[in-house]
Amino acid sequence: MKKNVGTWDRIIRIVAGLLFVYLGGAATGALSVILYIVAVILLLTGLVGTCPLYSMLKKSTKKNSASGQMPPAGN
């Protein structure tokens, strides 16, 4: 899959994922499971640099490497 998650987006996802792992450990029951699932999604998309939802919406927060600008919508 094409990378569509920018640097700051990745950092925020990873930090939020780690926070959700911590909160999942503090919570109990169904809330704990939900927090862990969200944490895994955030960590995976942050580490891999690809978000399937962004792909479906044709969105990207990744800058073009040559120009340093965001790619045009629909690409």
Protein backbone atom coordinates (compact mmCIF):
# COMPACT_ATOMS: atom_id res chain seq x y z
CA MET A 1 0.00 0.00 0.00
CA LYS A 2 1.06 3.56 -0.65
CA LYS A 3 2.25 5.56 2.36
CA ASN A 4 -0.25 8.28 3.21
CA VAL A 5 0.52 9.20 6.82
CA GLY A 6 2.86 12.16 7.37
CA THR A 7 5.57 12.46 9.99
CA TRP A 8 3.60 14.45 12.57
CA ASP A 9 0.55 12.27 12.02
CA ARG A 10 2.68 9.18 12.66
CA ILE A 11 4.17 10.66 15.85
CA ILE A 12 0.74 11.58 17.19
CA ARG A 13 -0.64 8.11 16.36
CA ILE A 14 2.25 6.35 18.11
CA VAL A 15 2.05 8.52 21.23
CA ALA A 16 -1.74 8.15 21.36
CA GLY A 17 -1.40 4.37 20.83
CA LEU A 18 1.02 4.09 23.74
CA LEU A 19 -1.33 6.16 25.89
CA PHE A 20 -4.22 3.85 25.01
CA VAL A 21 -2.09 0.80 25.91
CA TYR A 22 -1.45 2.36 29.31
CA LEU A 23 -5.14 3.22 29.80
CA GLY A 24 -6.13 -0.26 28.64
CA GLY A 25 -3.99 -1.72 31.41
CA ALA A 26 -5.65 0.52 33.97
CA ALA A 27 -9.20 -0.23 32.78
CA THR A 28 -11.16 -3.44 33.22
CA GLY A 29 -13.63 -5.47 31.20
CA ALA A 30 -14.92 -4.39 27.80
CA LEU A 31 -13.42 -0.91 28.09
CA SER A 32 -9.96 -2.44 28.42
CA VAL A 33 -10.47 -4.53 25.26
CA ILE A 34 -11.73 -1.52 23.30
CA LEU A 35 -8.76 0.59 24.41
CA TYR A 36 -6.32 -2.15 23.38
CA ILE A 37 -7.97 -2.51 19.95
CA VAL A 38 -7.76 1.25 19.33
CA ALA A 39 -4.14 1.20 20.55
CA VAL A 40 -3.19 -1.56 18.12
CA ILE A 41 -4.80 0.28 15.20
CA LEU A 42 -3.05 3.55 16.08
CA LEU A 43 0.32 1.89 16.61
CA LEU A 44 0.15 -0.14 13.39
CA THR A 45 -0.87 2.79 11.20
CA GLY A 46 1.74 4.98 12.88
CA LEU A 47 4.57 2.48 12.51
CA VAL A 48 3.70 1.35 8.98
CA GLY A 49 2.83 4.82 7.67
CA THR A 50 -0.32 3.71 5.86
CA CYS A 51 -3.91 4.27 6.93
CA PRO A 52 -6.56 2.22 5.08
CA LEU A 53 -9.25 4.78 5.95
CA TYR A 54 -7.13 7.56 4.42
CA SER A 55 -6.75 5.39 1.30
CA MET A 56 -10.51 4.90 0.97
CA LEU A 57 -11.09 8.64 1.42
CA LYS A 58 -8.18 9.47 -0.95
CA LYS A 59 -6.61 11.57 1.80
CA SER A 60 -2.95 11.96 2.70
CA THR A 61 -1.01 13.86 5.33
CA LYS A 62 2.32 12.89 3.78
CA LYS A 63 4.23 15.64 2.03
CA ASN A 64 5.70 15.12 -1.44
CA SER A 65 9.40 14.49 -0.94
CA ALA A 66 10.51 16.71 -3.84
CA SER A 67 8.41 19.82 -3.24
CA GLY A 68 7.67 19.51 0.47
CA GLN A 69 3.98 20.07 -0.24
CA MET A 70 0.92 17.96 0.29
CA PRO A 71 -0.12 15.87 -2.73
CA PRO A 72 -3.21 17.04 -4.65
CA ALA A 73 -6.54 15.55 -3.57
CA GLY A 74 -7.42 12.34 -5.39
CA ASN A 75 -3.83 11.09 -5.74
